[in-house]
């Protein structure tokens, strides 16, 4: 539910329907703000611990080619252009 509120934007509302027959619960802007505040606190705690280390034993990045080849797409004989 948190993901839906965060991804949907500040005016998003989500209705939670419970399978046990409890009344539905509508989550809105105040809930989204609370989730954003929680996320902010979590990120501040992580940043305070030092730089992120992804781990040991990672795969070495490829060395060849140094630059990936890229060529612009061209329509053959101008076919498909208006």
C-alpha atoms as a PDB file:
ATOM      1  CA  UNK A   1       0.000   0.000   0.000  1.00  0.00           C
ATOM      2  CA  UNK A   2       2.894   2.338   0.771  1.00  0.00           C
ATOM      3  CA  UNK A   3       4.260   1.954  -2.740  1.00  0.00           C
ATOM      4  CA  UNK A   4       0.916   2.845  -4.311  1.00  0.00           C
ATOM      5  CA  UNK A   5       0.617   5.995  -2.195  1.00  0.00           C
ATOM      6  CA  UNK A   6       4.183   7.098  -2.873  1.00  0.00           C
ATOM      7  CA  UNK A   7       4.128   6.357  -6.595  1.00  0.00           C
ATOM      8  CA  UNK A   8       0.675   7.831  -7.138  1.00  0.00           C
ATOM      9  CA  UNK A   9       1.497  11.355  -6.071  1.00  0.00           C
ATOM     10  CA  UNK A  10       0.312  13.776  -3.399  1.00  0.00           C
ATOM     11  CA  UNK A  11      -3.390  13.626  -4.284  1.00  0.00           C
ATOM     12  CA  UNK A  12      -3.576   9.839  -4.364  1.00  0.00           C
ATOM     13  CA  UNK A  13      -6.034   7.979  -2.204  1.00  0.00           C
ATOM     14  CA  UNK A  14      -6.045   4.236  -1.701  1.00  0.00           C
ATOM     15  CA  UNK A  15      -8.896   2.257  -0.237  1.00  0.00           C
ATOM     16  CA  UNK A  16      -7.884  -0.757   1.827  1.00  0.00           C
ATOM     17  CA  UNK A  17     -10.533  -3.470   1.857  1.00  0.00           C
ATOM     18  CA  UNK A  18     -10.150  -6.111   4.544  1.00  0.00           C
ATOM     19  CA  UNK A  19     -11.146  -9.719   3.996  1.00  0.00           C
ATOM     20  CA  UNK A  20     -12.369 -10.124   7.577  1.00  0.00           C
ATOM     21  CA  UNK A  21     -15.349  -7.829   7.041  1.00  0.00           C
ATOM     22  CA  UNK A  22     -13.840  -4.812   8.804  1.00  0.00           C
ATOM     23  CA  UNK A  23     -14.850  -1.466   7.338  1.00  0.00           C
ATOM     24  CA  UNK A  24     -12.643  -0.171   4.501  1.00  0.00           C
ATOM     25  CA  UNK A  25      -9.866   2.247   5.342  1.00  0.00           C
ATOM     26  CA  UNK A  26      -9.019   5.149   3.007  1.00  0.00           C
ATOM     27  CA  UNK A  27      -5.385   6.263   2.958  1.00  0.00           C
ATOM     28  CA  UNK A  28      -4.534   9.694   1.595  1.00  0.00           C
ATOM     29  CA  UNK A  29      -2.183  12.658   1.728  1.00  0.00           C
ATOM     30  CA  UNK A  30      -1.506  12.489   5.491  1.00  0.00           C
ATOM     31  CA  UNK A  31      -0.576   8.794   5.229  1.00  0.00           C
ATOM     32  CA  UNK A  32       1.659   9.506   2.232  1.00  0.00           C
ATOM     33  CA  UNK A  33       3.413  12.275   4.190  1.00  0.00           C
ATOM     34  CA  UNK A  34       3.965   9.903   7.110  1.00  0.00           C
ATOM     35  CA  UNK A  35       5.495   7.273   4.780  1.00  0.00           C
ATOM     36  CA  UNK A  36       7.762   9.913   3.189  1.00  0.00           C
ATOM     37  CA  UNK A  37       8.878  11.103   6.620  1.00  0.00           C
ATOM     38  CA  UNK A  38       9.661   7.500   7.646  1.00  0.00           C
ATOM     39  CA  UNK A  39      11.620   6.974   4.437  1.00  0.00           C
ATOM     40  CA  UNK A  40      13.538  10.221   4.980  1.00  0.00           C
ATOM     41  CA  UNK A  41      14.501   9.199   8.523  1.00  0.00           C
ATOM     42  CA  UNK A  42      15.615   5.788   7.270  1.00  0.00           C
ATOM     43  CA  UNK A  43      17.797   7.333   4.541  1.00  0.00           C
ATOM     44  CA  UNK A  44      19.357   9.756   7.031  1.00  0.00           C
ATOM     45  CA  UNK A  45      20.235   6.831   9.334  1.00  0.00           C
ATOM     46  CA  UNK A  46      21.792   4.936   6.419  1.00  0.00           C
ATOM     47  CA  UNK A  47      23.793   7.977   5.295  1.00  0.00           C
ATOM     48  CA  UNK A  48      25.076   8.517   8.836  1.00  0.00           C
ATOM     49  CA  UNK A  49      26.595   5.016   8.824  1.00  0.00           C
ATOM     50  CA  UNK A  50      28.998   5.964   6.028  1.00  0.00           C
ATOM     51  CA  UNK A  51      29.248   5.316   2.314  1.00  0.00           C
ATOM     52  CA  UNK A  52      27.236   2.492   0.821  1.00  0.00           C
ATOM     53  CA  UNK A  53      29.311  -0.619   0.149  1.00  0.00           C
ATOM     54  CA  UNK A  54      27.562  -2.923  -2.314  1.00  0.00           C
ATOM     55  CA  UNK A  55      29.478  -5.973  -1.096  1.00  0.00           C
ATOM     56  CA  UNK A  56      32.446  -8.147  -1.870  1.00  0.00           C
ATOM     57  CA  UNK A  57      32.739 -10.660  -4.667  1.00  0.00           C
ATOM     58  CA  UNK A  58      31.041  -8.541  -7.320  1.00  0.00           C
ATOM     59  CA  UNK A  59      31.540  -9.331 -10.984  1.00  0.00           C
ATOM     60  CA  UNK A  60      34.255  -7.253 -12.620  1.00  0.00           C
ATOM     61  CA  UNK A  61      32.892  -4.834 -15.235  1.00  0.00           C
ATOM     62  CA  UNK A  62      33.759  -5.728 -18.822  1.00  0.00           C
ATOM     63  CA  UNK A  63      36.862  -4.078 -20.274  1.00  0.00           C
ATOM     64  CA  UNK A  64      36.078  -4.640 -23.923  1.00  0.00           C
ATOM     65  CA  UNK A  65      34.764  -2.728 -25.735  1.00  0.00           C
ATOM     66  CA  UNK A  66      35.720   0.422 -23.866  1.00  0.00           C
ATOM     67  CA  UNK A  67      32.773   2.147 -25.436  1.00  0.00           C
ATOM     68  CA  UNK A  68      29.625   0.384 -26.552  1.00  0.00           C
ATOM     69  CA  UNK A  69      28.984   0.824 -30.261  1.00  0.00           C
ATOM     70  CA  UNK A  70      25.944   2.880 -31.121  1.00  0.00           C
ATOM     71  CA  UNK A  71      24.572   3.757 -34.490  1.00  0.00           C
ATOM     72  CA  UNK A  72      21.604   5.923 -35.235  1.00  0.00           C
ATOM     73  CA  UNK A  73      18.622   4.135 -36.709  1.00  0.00           C
ATOM     74  CA  UNK A  74      18.022   5.003 -40.337  1.00  0.00           C
ATOM     75  CA  UNK A  75      15.050   4.020 -42.397  1.00  0.00           C
ATOM     76  CA  UNK A  76      16.108   2.192 -45.559  1.00  0.00           C
ATOM     77  CA  UNK A  77      15.614   4.467 -48.569  1.00  0.00           C
ATOM     78  CA  UNK A  78      13.489   6.885 -46.504  1.00  0.00           C
ATOM     79  CA  UNK A  79      10.749   4.250 -46.236  1.00  0.00           C
ATOM     80  CA  UNK A  80       8.412   4.889 -43.363  1.00  0.00           C
ATOM     81  CA  UNK A  81       9.018   8.619 -43.186  1.00  0.00           C
ATOM     82  CA  UNK A  82       6.310  11.088 -43.887  1.00  0.00           C
END
